[in-house]
Amino acid sequence: MSEVLSASIFNRFNGFLYMTERLRKTYFMEQPAEQFLLQDTQTIVFIGDSITDCGRRLEARPFGDGFMRFIVDLVAARYPQRKIRFINRGISGDVSIGLRQRWDEDVIAYQPDWVSVMVGINDVHRRFDDYGMMEIPPDLYRAAYLDCLSRMREQTQARLILMDPFYICKDPQADSVQEEILGVLPEYIAVVHEMAEKFQALHIPLHDIFQRQLLYRSAETLCPEPVHPNSAGHTVIAHSWLNTLGW
């Protein structure tokens, strides 16, 4: 009887451990550590223009109320045990040469483990806006981008996440500014592709991702105008970013 009783107790104990582990994984929605690339104690800097900024210096400080905010909250929901430092250094209206000027202070000074970059749509717009600002053709865009990433490689151990500039527009009118922007945007996207390959970065083809969305959804559901996404558009960015990192 004692052997039967001992075996019963042992089986019940093993069953208890199994159920406890299942509950733990279900509660924390935990994924294998190697799947999601952001690890405990790591630092990640997001840098770019208004799409990254999203009020992070004003009422929505410190993360803004866009895709980065969604990323921070979703990572915390799935991996509450990981203490990851998120830093937003987006500045509304910024361009590639602006990033180059502030790269040391806003990126390298943090010695991050990861850097996520999205810049370029304002560079494109400068070719069409008559505000007296210096134009930034693709070769100048490339030079500024290359300088930033080269300095990062030399002075940090950070890994890179590069996101293409995008323009959420479907069926633009002939001879319109929107049509012209869509015509030159691929030249800037090609630079990001080149940088991603050169620096072995994770690459997120956001323009292509949004164009696929537009096969099934109107542009207005994602963006009130082609540059600044609404909540639905920022959700697409956050979802694409997290998927790329194995979330």
C-alpha atoms as a PDB file:
ATOM      1  CA  MET A   1       0.000   0.000   0.000  1.00  0.00           C
ATOM      2  CA  SER A   2       2.809   2.387   0.887  1.00  0.00           C
ATOM      3  CA  GLU A   3       4.395   1.968  -2.557  1.00  0.00           C
ATOM      4  CA  VAL A   4       1.062   2.584  -4.276  1.00  0.00           C
ATOM      5  CA  LEU A   5       0.459   5.632  -2.076  1.00  0.00           C
ATOM      6  CA  SER A   6       3.959   6.961  -2.790  1.00  0.00           C
ATOM      7  CA  ALA A   7       3.475   6.537  -6.521  1.00  0.00           C
ATOM      8  CA  SER A   8       0.123   8.322  -6.321  1.00  0.00           C
ATOM      9  CA  ILE A   9       1.619  11.242  -4.428  1.00  0.00           C
ATOM     10  CA  PHE A  10       4.542  11.416  -6.882  1.00  0.00           C
ATOM     11  CA  ASN A  11       2.202  11.457  -9.895  1.00  0.00           C
ATOM     12  CA  ARG A  12       0.044  14.134  -8.327  1.00  0.00           C
ATOM     13  CA  PHE A  13       3.104  16.241  -7.566  1.00  0.00           C
ATOM     14  CA  ASN A  14       4.323  15.936 -11.171  1.00  0.00           C
ATOM     15  CA  GLY A  15       0.861  16.892 -12.368  1.00  0.00           C
ATOM     16  CA  PHE A  16       0.892  19.916 -10.101  1.00  0.00           C
ATOM     17  CA  LEU A  17       4.279  21.034 -11.491  1.00  0.00           C
ATOM     18  CA  TYR A  18       3.021  20.592 -15.054  1.00  0.00           C
ATOM     19  CA  MET A  19      -0.107  22.655 -14.466  1.00  0.00           C
ATOM     20  CA  THR A  20       1.857  25.326 -12.604  1.00  0.00           C
ATOM     21  CA  GLU A  21       4.253  25.697 -15.528  1.00  0.00           C
ATOM     22  CA  ARG A  22       1.371  25.880 -18.013  1.00  0.00           C
ATOM     23  CA  LEU A  23      -0.342  28.566 -15.957  1.00  0.00           C
ATOM     24  CA  ARG A  24       2.890  30.533 -15.660  1.00  0.00           C
ATOM     25  CA  LYS A  25       3.446  30.504 -19.406  1.00  0.00           C
ATOM     26  CA  THR A  26      -0.174  31.332 -20.116  1.00  0.00           C
ATOM     27  CA  TYR A  27      -0.281  34.174 -17.604  1.00  0.00           C
ATOM     28  CA  PHE A  28       2.923  35.796 -18.814  1.00  0.00           C
ATOM     29  CA  MET A  29       2.328  34.807 -22.485  1.00  0.00           C
ATOM     30  CA  GLU A  30       6.011  34.009 -22.478  1.00  0.00           C
ATOM     31  CA  GLN A  31       7.883  33.065 -25.638  1.00  0.00           C
ATOM     32  CA  PRO A  32      11.227  31.259 -25.801  1.00  0.00           C
ATOM     33  CA  ALA A  33      13.962  33.747 -24.918  1.00  0.00           C
ATOM     34  CA  GLU A  34      15.728  33.324 -28.242  1.00  0.00           C
ATOM     35  CA  GLN A  35      12.629  34.308 -30.231  1.00  0.00           C
ATOM     36  CA  PHE A  36      12.302  37.905 -29.044  1.00  0.00           C
ATOM     37  CA  LEU A  37      15.578  39.701 -29.584  1.00  0.00           C
ATOM     38  CA  LEU A  38      15.259  42.439 -26.961  1.00  0.00           C
ATOM     39  CA  GLN A  39      16.718  41.014 -23.790  1.00  0.00           C
ATOM     40  CA  ASP A  40      16.597  41.917 -20.125  1.00  0.00           C
ATOM     41  CA  THR A  41      18.589  45.069 -19.134  1.00  0.00           C
ATOM     42  CA  GLN A  42      19.120  46.143 -22.742  1.00  0.00           C
ATOM     43  CA  THR A  43      18.752  49.735 -23.985  1.00  0.00           C
ATOM     44  CA  ILE A  44      17.141  50.702 -27.275  1.00  0.00           C
ATOM     45  CA  VAL A  45      17.055  54.165 -28.849  1.00  0.00           C
ATOM     46  CA  PHE A  46      14.381  55.103 -31.386  1.00  0.00           C
ATOM     47  CA  ILE A  47      15.381  58.050 -33.552  1.00  0.00           C
ATOM     48  CA  GLY A  48      13.655  59.783 -36.433  1.00  0.00           C
ATOM     49  CA  ASP A  49      11.138  62.507 -37.265  1.00  0.00           C
ATOM     50  CA  SER A  50       7.568  63.337 -36.184  1.00  0.00           C
ATOM     51  CA  ILE A  51       6.359  59.771 -36.765  1.00  0.00           C
ATOM     52  CA  THR A  52       8.691  58.702 -33.964  1.00  0.00           C
ATOM     53  CA  ASP A  53       8.358  61.902 -31.903  1.00  0.00           C
ATOM     54  CA  CYS A  54       4.557  61.846 -31.565  1.00  0.00           C
ATOM     55  CA  GLY A  55       4.510  64.364 -28.724  1.00  0.00           C
ATOM     56  CA  ARG A  56       7.209  62.674 -26.645  1.00  0.00           C
ATOM     57  CA  ARG A  57       8.534  66.086 -25.523  1.00  0.00           C
ATOM     58  CA  LEU A  58       5.063  67.414 -24.645  1.00  0.00           C
ATOM     59  CA  GLU A  59       1.917  65.846 -23.228  1.00  0.00           C
ATOM     60  CA  ALA A  60       2.838  62.321 -24.373  1.00  0.00           C
ATOM     61  CA  ARG A  61       6.285  62.222 -22.776  1.00  0.00           C
ATOM     62  CA  PRO A  62       8.490  60.231 -22.659  1.00  0.00           C
ATOM     63  CA  PHE A  63       7.548  57.751 -25.412  1.00  0.00           C
ATOM     64  CA  GLY A  64       5.056  59.717 -27.508  1.00  0.00           C
ATOM     65  CA  ASP A  65       1.620  58.359 -28.377  1.00  0.00           C
ATOM     66  CA  GLY A  66       2.572  56.566 -31.605  1.00  0.00           C
ATOM     67  CA  PHE A  67       4.096  53.251 -32.613  1.00  0.00           C
ATOM     68  CA  MET A  68       6.848  53.406 -29.996  1.00  0.00           C
ATOM     69  CA  ARG A  69       4.287  53.722 -27.196  1.00  0.00           C
ATOM     70  CA  PHE A  70       2.499  50.667 -28.583  1.00  0.00           C
ATOM     71  CA  ILE A  71       5.781  48.735 -28.709  1.00  0.00           C
ATOM     72  CA  VAL A  72       6.674  49.618 -25.116  1.00  0.00           C
ATOM     73  CA  ASP A  73       3.261  48.556 -23.811  1.00  0.00           C
ATOM     74  CA  LEU A  74       3.074  45.329 -25.807  1.00  0.00           C
ATOM     75  CA  VAL A  75       6.581  44.250 -24.793  1.00  0.00           C
ATOM     76  CA  ALA A  76       5.725  44.907 -21.143  1.00  0.00           C
ATOM     77  CA  ALA A  77       2.500  42.921 -21.491  1.00  0.00           C
ATOM     78  CA  ARG A  78       4.221  39.858 -22.896  1.00  0.00           C
ATOM     79  CA  TYR A  79       7.576  40.090 -21.103  1.00  0.00           C
ATOM     80  CA  PRO A  80       6.902  41.851 -17.773  1.00  0.00           C
ATOM     81  CA  GLN A  81      10.004  40.320 -16.254  1.00  0.00           C
ATOM     82  CA  ARG A  82      12.343  42.036 -18.733  1.00  0.00           C
ATOM     83  CA  LYS A  83      13.655  45.432 -17.687  1.00  0.00           C
ATOM     84  CA  ILE A  84      14.288  47.056 -21.064  1.00  0.00           C
ATOM     85  CA  ARG A  85      15.176  50.730 -21.324  1.00  0.00           C
ATOM     86  CA  PHE A  86      13.323  52.472 -24.160  1.00  0.00           C
ATOM     87  CA  ILE A  87      14.469  55.929 -25.297  1.00  0.00           C
ATOM     88  CA  ASN A  88      12.619  58.116 -27.814  1.00  0.00           C
ATOM     89  CA  ARG A  89      14.754  60.663 -29.676  1.00  0.00           C
ATOM     90  CA  GLY A  90      12.409  61.508 -32.505  1.00  0.00           C
ATOM     91  CA  ILE A  91      12.126  65.188 -33.447  1.00  0.00           C
ATOM     92  CA  SER A  92       9.260  66.468 -35.545  1.00  0.00           C
ATOM     93  CA  GLY A  93      10.351  67.738 -38.961  1.00  0.00           C
ATOM     94  CA  ASP A  94      13.808  66.196 -38.768  1.00  0.00           C
ATOM     95  CA  VAL A  95      15.778  64.962 -41.764  1.00  0.00           C
ATOM     96  CA  SER A  96      18.851  62.812 -42.314  1.00  0.00           C
ATOM     97  CA  ILE A  97      21.303  65.693 -41.959  1.00  0.00           C
ATOM     98  CA  GLY A  98      19.583  66.651 -38.711  1.00  0.00           C
ATOM     99  CA  LEU A  99      20.138  63.162 -37.364  1.00  0.00           C
ATOM    100  CA  ARG A 100      23.790  63.420 -38.306  1.00  0.00           C
ATOM    101  CA  GLN A 101      24.171  66.643 -36.316  1.00  0.00           C
ATOM    102  CA  ARG A 102      22.688  65.194 -33.139  1.00  0.00           C
ATOM    103  CA  TRP A 103      23.765  61.567 -33.495  1.00  0.00           C
ATOM    104  CA  ASP A 104      26.502  61.665 -30.836  1.00  0.00           C
ATOM    105  CA  GLU A 105      24.294  63.243 -28.182  1.00  0.00           C
ATOM    106  CA  ASP A 106      21.053  61.430 -28.973  1.00  0.00           C
ATOM    107  CA  VAL A 107      22.361  57.968 -29.812  1.00  0.00           C
ATOM    108  CA  ILE A 108      26.011  57.215 -29.087  1.00  0.00           C
ATOM    109  CA  ALA A 109      25.961  58.852 -25.644  1.00  0.00           C
ATOM    110  CA  TYR A 110      23.531  56.168 -24.447  1.00  0.00           C
ATOM    111  CA  GLN A 111      25.754  53.294 -25.622  1.00  0.00           C
ATOM    112  CA  PRO A 112      22.610  51.408 -26.636  1.00  0.00           C
ATOM    113  CA  ASP A 113      22.290  47.741 -27.446  1.00  0.00           C
ATOM    114  CA  TRP A 114      19.823  48.552 -30.232  1.00  0.00           C
ATOM    115  CA  VAL A 115      19.078  51.558 -32.436  1.00  0.00           C
ATOM    116  CA  SER A 116      15.868  51.844 -34.451  1.00  0.00           C
ATOM    117  CA  VAL A 117      15.951  54.431 -37.256  1.00  0.00           C
ATOM    118  CA  MET A 118      13.177  55.810 -39.433  1.00  0.00           C
ATOM    119  CA  VAL A 119      13.923  58.974 -41.397  1.00  0.00           C
ATOM    120  CA  GLY A 120      13.502  60.146 -44.958  1.00  0.00           C
ATOM    121  CA  ILE A 121      10.015  61.368 -45.776  1.00  0.00           C
ATOM    122  CA  ASN A 122      10.925  64.957 -44.840  1.00  0.00           C
ATOM    123  CA  ASP A 123      14.035  64.644 -47.017  1.00  0.00           C
ATOM    124  CA  VAL A 124      11.719  63.720 -49.899  1.00  0.00           C
ATOM    125  CA  HIS A 125       9.321  66.567 -49.167  1.00  0.00           C
ATOM    126  CA  ARG A 126      12.077  69.160 -49.298  1.00  0.00           C
ATOM    127  CA  ARG A 127      12.287  68.540 -53.031  1.00  0.00           C
ATOM    128  CA  PHE A 128       8.726  69.790 -53.422  1.00  0.00           C
ATOM    129  CA  ASP A 129       8.127  72.298 -50.590  1.00  0.00           C
ATOM    130  CA  ASP A 130       9.000  75.889 -51.382  1.00  0.00           C
ATOM    131  CA  TYR A 131      10.029  77.026 -47.888  1.00  0.00           C
ATOM    132  CA  GLY A 132      13.595  78.040 -48.677  1.00  0.00           C
ATOM    133  CA  MET A 133      15.034  74.962 -46.956  1.00  0.00           C
ATOM    134  CA  MET A 134      17.975  73.079 -48.390  1.00  0.00           C
ATOM    135  CA  GLU A 135      17.018  70.221 -50.675  1.00  0.00           C
ATOM    136  CA  ILE A 136      18.234  66.771 -49.702  1.00  0.00           C
ATOM    137  CA  PRO A 137      18.624  64.626 -52.827  1.00  0.00           C
ATOM    138  CA  PRO A 138      19.259  60.867 -52.483  1.00  0.00           C
ATOM    139  CA  ASP A 139      23.068  61.219 -52.596  1.00  0.00           C
ATOM    140  CA  LEU A 140      23.078  63.649 -49.659  1.00  0.00           C
ATOM    141  CA  TYR A 141      20.568  61.464 -47.812  1.00  0.00           C
ATOM    142  CA  ARG A 142      22.863  58.487 -48.349  1.00  0.00           C
ATOM    143  CA  ALA A 143      25.954  60.372 -47.140  1.00  0.00           C
ATOM    144  CA  ALA A 144      24.243  61.492 -43.916  1.00  0.00           C
ATOM    145  CA  TYR A 145      22.784  58.042 -43.239  1.00  0.00           C
ATOM    146  CA  LEU A 146      26.131  56.349 -43.890  1.00  0.00           C
ATOM    147  CA  ASP A 147      27.976  58.742 -41.589  1.00  0.00           C
ATOM    148  CA  CYS A 148      25.550  58.090 -38.723  1.00  0.00           C
ATOM    149  CA  LEU A 149      25.720  54.325 -38.998  1.00  0.00           C
ATOM    150  CA  SER A 150      29.489  54.275 -39.493  1.00  0.00           C
ATOM    151  CA  ARG A 151      30.018  56.250 -36.294  1.00  0.00           C
ATOM    152  CA  MET A 152      27.651  53.962 -34.479  1.00  0.00           C
ATOM    153  CA  ARG A 153      29.581  50.894 -35.603  1.00  0.00           C
ATOM    154  CA  GLU A 154      32.881  52.448 -34.539  1.00  0.00           C
ATOM    155  CA  GLN A 155      31.722  53.661 -31.111  1.00  0.00           C
ATOM    156  CA  THR A 156      29.083  51.173 -29.943  1.00  0.00           C
ATOM    157  CA  GLN A 157      28.158  47.505 -30.093  1.00  0.00           C
ATOM    158  CA  ALA A 158      24.555  48.300 -31.035  1.00  0.00           C
ATOM    159  CA  ARG A 159      22.480  46.308 -33.485  1.00  0.00           C
ATOM    160  CA  LEU A 160      20.364  48.187 -35.995  1.00  0.00           C
ATOM    161  CA  ILE A 161      16.731  48.206 -37.027  1.00  0.00           C
ATOM    162  CA  LEU A 162      16.137  50.288 -40.172  1.00  0.00           C
ATOM    163  CA  MET A 163      12.651  51.226 -41.349  1.00  0.00           C
ATOM    164  CA  ASP A 164      11.868  52.508 -44.830  1.00  0.00           C
ATOM    165  CA  PRO A 165      10.249  55.916 -45.231  1.00  0.00           C
ATOM    166  CA  PHE A 166       6.685  55.530 -46.482  1.00  0.00           C
ATOM    167  CA  TYR A 167       3.880  57.477 -48.125  1.00  0.00           C
ATOM    168  CA  ILE A 168       0.342  56.234 -47.532  1.00  0.00           C
ATOM    169  CA  CYS A 169      -1.313  57.134 -50.796  1.00  0.00           C
ATOM    170  CA  LYS A 170      -3.409  55.155 -53.247  1.00  0.00           C
ATOM    171  CA  ASP A 171      -4.214  56.141 -56.848  1.00  0.00           C
ATOM    172  CA  PRO A 172      -2.797  59.700 -56.810  1.00  0.00           C
ATOM    173  CA  GLN A 173      -4.056  62.135 -59.412  1.00  0.00           C
ATOM    174  CA  ALA A 174      -1.926  62.509 -62.520  1.00  0.00           C
ATOM    175  CA  ASP A 175       0.701  65.281 -62.334  1.00  0.00           C
ATOM    176  CA  SER A 176      -0.007  65.824 -58.630  1.00  0.00           C
ATOM    177  CA  VAL A 177       2.595  66.337 -55.908  1.00  0.00           C
ATOM    178  CA  GLN A 178       1.547  62.985 -54.461  1.00  0.00           C
ATOM    179  CA  GLU A 179       2.377  61.286 -57.750  1.00  0.00           C
ATOM    180  CA  GLU A 180       5.760  63.035 -57.852  1.00  0.00           C
ATOM    181  CA  ILE A 181       6.565  61.989 -54.286  1.00  0.00           C
ATOM    182  CA  LEU A 182       5.693  58.381 -55.028  1.00  0.00           C
ATOM    183  CA  GLY A 183       7.929  58.634 -58.085  1.00  0.00           C
ATOM    184  CA  VAL A 184      11.073  59.669 -56.187  1.00  0.00           C
ATOM    185  CA  LEU A 185      10.486  57.827 -52.900  1.00  0.00           C
ATOM    186  CA  PRO A 186      11.994  54.533 -54.208  1.00  0.00           C
ATOM    187  CA  GLU A 187      15.381  56.284 -54.551  1.00  0.00           C
ATOM    188  CA  TYR A 188      15.403  56.989 -50.814  1.00  0.00           C
ATOM    189  CA  ILE A 189      14.079  53.559 -49.936  1.00  0.00           C
ATOM    190  CA  ALA A 190      16.929  52.050 -51.968  1.00  0.00           C
ATOM    191  CA  VAL A 191      19.388  53.858 -49.677  1.00  0.00           C
ATOM    192  CA  VAL A 192      17.831  52.235 -46.605  1.00  0.00           C
ATOM    193  CA  HIS A 193      18.025  48.829 -48.295  1.00  0.00           C
ATOM    194  CA  GLU A 194      21.699  49.460 -49.036  1.00  0.00           C
ATOM    195  CA  MET A 195      22.415  50.531 -45.445  1.00  0.00           C
ATOM    196  CA  ALA A 196      20.580  47.522 -44.037  1.00  0.00           C
ATOM    197  CA  GLU A 197      22.700  45.178 -46.125  1.00  0.00           C
ATOM    198  CA  LYS A 198      25.958  47.004 -45.439  1.00  0.00           C
ATOM    199  CA  PHE A 199      25.446  47.105 -41.670  1.00  0.00           C
ATOM    200  CA  GLN A 200      23.647  43.751 -41.335  1.00  0.00           C
ATOM    201  CA  ALA A 201      20.610  45.491 -39.887  1.00  0.00           C
ATOM    202  CA  LEU A 202      17.123  44.191 -39.392  1.00  0.00           C
ATOM    203  CA  HIS A 203      15.071  45.815 -42.130  1.00  0.00           C
ATOM    204  CA  ILE A 204      11.377  46.737 -42.108  1.00  0.00           C
ATOM    205  CA  PRO A 205       9.994  47.650 -45.572  1.00  0.00           C
ATOM    206  CA  LEU A 206       7.244  49.912 -44.264  1.00  0.00           C
ATOM    207  CA  HIS A 207       6.271  51.440 -47.593  1.00  0.00           C
ATOM    208  CA  ASP A 208       5.650  47.997 -49.061  1.00  0.00           C
ATOM    209  CA  ILE A 209       3.786  46.969 -45.912  1.00  0.00           C
ATOM    210  CA  PHE A 210       1.469  49.962 -46.166  1.00  0.00           C
ATOM    211  CA  GLN A 211       0.957  49.427 -49.888  1.00  0.00           C
ATOM    212  CA  ARG A 212      -0.239  45.915 -49.103  1.00  0.00           C
ATOM    213  CA  GLN A 213      -2.634  47.358 -46.510  1.00  0.00           C
ATOM    214  CA  LEU A 214      -4.013  49.648 -49.214  1.00  0.00           C
ATOM    215  CA  LEU A 215      -5.067  46.641 -51.258  1.00  0.00           C
ATOM    216  CA  TYR A 216      -7.735  46.003 -48.628  1.00  0.00           C
ATOM    217  CA  ARG A 217      -8.214  49.291 -46.754  1.00  0.00           C
ATOM    218  CA  SER A 218      -8.619  52.909 -47.720  1.00  0.00           C
ATOM    219  CA  ALA A 219      -5.770  55.306 -47.011  1.00  0.00           C
ATOM    220  CA  GLU A 220      -8.059  57.310 -44.704  1.00  0.00           C
ATOM    221  CA  THR A 221      -8.347  54.369 -42.314  1.00  0.00           C
ATOM    222  CA  LEU A 222      -4.589  54.510 -41.756  1.00  0.00           C
ATOM    223  CA  CYS A 223      -3.682  58.147 -42.166  1.00  0.00           C
ATOM    224  CA  PRO A 224      -5.514  61.507 -42.403  1.00  0.00           C
ATOM    225  CA  GLU A 225      -2.863  62.522 -44.948  1.00  0.00           C
ATOM    226  CA  PRO A 226      -0.066  60.442 -46.497  1.00  0.00           C
ATOM    227  CA  VAL A 227       2.716  61.188 -43.979  1.00  0.00           C
ATOM    228  CA  HIS A 228       1.349  61.077 -40.416  1.00  0.00           C
ATOM    229  CA  PRO A 229      -0.432  57.839 -39.502  1.00  0.00           C
ATOM    230  CA  ASN A 230      -3.393  57.708 -37.147  1.00  0.00           C
ATOM    231  CA  SER A 231      -3.681  55.084 -34.417  1.00  0.00           C
ATOM    232  CA  ALA A 232      -4.450  52.349 -36.949  1.00  0.00           C
ATOM    233  CA  GLY A 233      -1.405  53.280 -39.013  1.00  0.00           C
ATOM    234  CA  HIS A 234       0.861  53.359 -35.970  1.00  0.00           C
ATOM    235  CA  THR A 235      -0.477  49.928 -35.043  1.00  0.00           C
ATOM    236  CA  VAL A 236       0.694  48.614 -38.417  1.00  0.00           C
ATOM    237  CA  ILE A 237       4.172  50.037 -37.761  1.00  0.00           C
ATOM    238  CA  ALA A 238       4.348  48.597 -34.234  1.00  0.00           C
ATOM    239  CA  HIS A 239       3.093  45.197 -35.394  1.00  0.00           C
ATOM    240  CA  SER A 240       5.663  45.059 -38.217  1.00  0.00           C
ATOM    241  CA  TRP A 241       8.465  46.134 -35.874  1.00  0.00           C
ATOM    242  CA  LEU A 242       7.602  43.566 -33.220  1.00  0.00           C
ATOM    243  CA  ASN A 243       7.234  40.758 -35.748  1.00  0.00           C
ATOM    244  CA  THR A 244      10.670  41.567 -37.141  1.00  0.00           C
ATOM    245  CA  LEU A 245      12.184  41.139 -33.674  1.00  0.00           C
ATOM    246  CA  GLY A 246      10.403  37.863 -33.004  1.00  0.00           C
ATOM    247  CA  TRP A 247       7.840  39.143 -30.522  1.00  0.00           C
END
